[in-house]
N, C-alpha and C. Protein backbone atom coordinates (compact mmCIF):
# COMPACT_ATOMS: atom_id res chain seq x y z
N MET A 1 9.09 24.92 19.51
CA MET A 1 8.34 23.67 19.43
C MET A 1 7.39 23.70 18.23
N LEU A 2 7.11 22.55 17.72
CA LEU A 2 6.14 22.42 16.65
C LEU A 2 4.73 22.36 17.22
N ASP A 3 3.82 23.00 16.56
CA ASP A 3 2.41 22.91 16.92
C ASP A 3 1.79 21.86 16.00
N PHE A 4 1.69 20.64 16.49
CA PHE A 4 1.24 19.53 15.66
C PHE A 4 -0.18 19.72 15.13
N GLU A 5 -1.03 20.31 15.93
CA GLU A 5 -2.40 20.56 15.48
C GLU A 5 -2.40 21.50 14.27
N GLU A 6 -1.58 22.53 14.32
CA GLU A 6 -1.49 23.47 13.21
C GLU A 6 -0.87 22.80 11.98
N GLU A 7 0.14 21.98 12.19
CA GLU A 7 0.77 21.28 11.08
C GLU A 7 -0.22 20.33 10.40
N LEU A 8 -1.05 19.65 11.18
CA LEU A 8 -2.04 18.74 10.60
C LEU A 8 -3.08 19.49 9.78
N LYS A 9 -3.43 20.69 10.20
CA LYS A 9 -4.39 21.50 9.44
C LYS A 9 -3.83 21.86 8.07
N ASN A 10 -2.51 22.05 7.98
CA ASN A 10 -1.87 22.46 6.73
C ASN A 10 -1.42 21.28 5.87
N PHE A 11 -1.62 20.07 6.34
CA PHE A 11 -1.12 18.89 5.63
C PHE A 11 -1.84 18.71 4.30
N GLN A 12 -1.07 18.47 3.25
CA GLN A 12 -1.58 18.15 1.92
C GLN A 12 -0.92 16.85 1.48
N PRO A 13 -1.67 15.78 1.23
CA PRO A 13 -1.03 14.53 0.81
C PRO A 13 -0.36 14.68 -0.55
N SER A 14 0.69 13.95 -0.72
CA SER A 14 1.43 13.98 -1.98
C SER A 14 0.63 13.31 -3.07
N MET A 15 0.67 13.86 -4.28
CA MET A 15 -0.04 13.27 -5.41
C MET A 15 0.51 11.89 -5.74
N GLU A 16 1.80 11.69 -5.56
CA GLU A 16 2.40 10.39 -5.88
C GLU A 16 1.83 9.28 -5.00
N ILE A 17 1.52 9.60 -3.75
CA ILE A 17 0.98 8.60 -2.84
C ILE A 17 -0.35 8.07 -3.37
N GLY A 18 -1.21 8.94 -3.83
CA GLY A 18 -2.49 8.51 -4.39
C GLY A 18 -2.30 7.64 -5.61
N ASN A 19 -1.34 7.98 -6.46
CA ASN A 19 -1.06 7.17 -7.64
C ASN A 19 -0.56 5.79 -7.27
N VAL A 20 0.28 5.71 -6.26
CA VAL A 20 0.82 4.42 -5.81
C VAL A 20 -0.30 3.57 -5.24
N GLU A 21 -1.17 4.17 -4.45
CA GLU A 21 -2.29 3.42 -3.88
C GLU A 21 -3.16 2.83 -4.98
N ASP A 22 -3.45 3.60 -6.02
CA ASP A 22 -4.26 3.11 -7.13
C ASP A 22 -3.56 1.97 -7.85
N ALA A 23 -2.27 2.10 -8.10
CA ALA A 23 -1.52 1.07 -8.82
C ALA A 23 -1.47 -0.23 -8.02
N ILE A 24 -1.26 -0.12 -6.73
CA ILE A 24 -1.20 -1.32 -5.89
C ILE A 24 -2.57 -1.98 -5.83
N GLY A 25 -3.61 -1.19 -5.72
CA GLY A 25 -4.96 -1.73 -5.64
C GLY A 25 -5.37 -2.51 -6.88
N ARG A 26 -4.85 -2.14 -8.04
CA ARG A 26 -5.20 -2.81 -9.28
C ARG A 26 -4.37 -4.06 -9.54
N GLU A 27 -3.26 -4.21 -8.87
CA GLU A 27 -2.36 -5.35 -9.11
C GLU A 27 -2.90 -6.60 -8.43
N ASP A 28 -2.67 -7.72 -9.08
CA ASP A 28 -2.98 -9.01 -8.49
C ASP A 28 -1.69 -9.52 -7.86
N LEU A 29 -1.50 -9.21 -6.60
CA LEU A 29 -0.25 -9.54 -5.93
C LEU A 29 -0.29 -10.96 -5.37
N THR A 30 0.76 -11.70 -5.66
CA THR A 30 0.89 -13.05 -5.12
C THR A 30 1.63 -12.95 -3.80
N ASP A 31 1.07 -13.55 -2.76
CA ASP A 31 1.76 -13.53 -1.48
C ASP A 31 2.29 -14.92 -1.16
N MET A 32 2.93 -15.05 -0.03
CA MET A 32 3.57 -16.31 0.35
C MET A 32 2.55 -17.44 0.46
N THR A 33 1.36 -17.16 0.93
CA THR A 33 0.32 -18.19 1.03
C THR A 33 -0.04 -18.73 -0.34
N ASP A 34 -0.18 -17.84 -1.33
CA ASP A 34 -0.48 -18.27 -2.69
C ASP A 34 0.62 -19.17 -3.23
N LEU A 35 1.87 -18.80 -2.97
CA LEU A 35 2.99 -19.60 -3.45
C LEU A 35 3.02 -20.99 -2.80
N MET A 36 2.76 -21.03 -1.50
CA MET A 36 2.75 -22.32 -0.79
C MET A 36 1.61 -23.20 -1.29
N MET A 37 0.44 -22.63 -1.52
CA MET A 37 -0.69 -23.42 -2.03
C MET A 37 -0.38 -23.97 -3.41
N GLU A 38 0.26 -23.18 -4.25
CA GLU A 38 0.63 -23.65 -5.59
C GLU A 38 1.63 -24.79 -5.50
N LEU A 39 2.61 -24.67 -4.62
CA LEU A 39 3.59 -25.74 -4.45
C LEU A 39 2.92 -27.02 -3.96
N LEU A 40 2.00 -26.89 -3.00
CA LEU A 40 1.32 -28.07 -2.46
C LEU A 40 0.41 -28.72 -3.50
N ASN A 41 -0.23 -27.92 -4.32
CA ASN A 41 -1.15 -28.46 -5.33
C ASN A 41 -0.39 -29.15 -6.47
N ASN A 42 0.85 -28.78 -6.69
CA ASN A 42 1.63 -29.37 -7.77
C ASN A 42 2.31 -30.67 -7.36
N LYS A 43 2.26 -31.04 -6.11
CA LYS A 43 2.90 -32.29 -5.65
C LYS A 43 2.14 -33.49 -6.10
């Protein structure tokens, strides 16, 4: 059996995950609400 407590103590987050989080945080992401508001405002 796995000892989950021991595995959590040894956990090291991946460097790529931190880079992805930073990249997503800096992006101005358009979501469906933004698209719908733009469509409604252009009518």
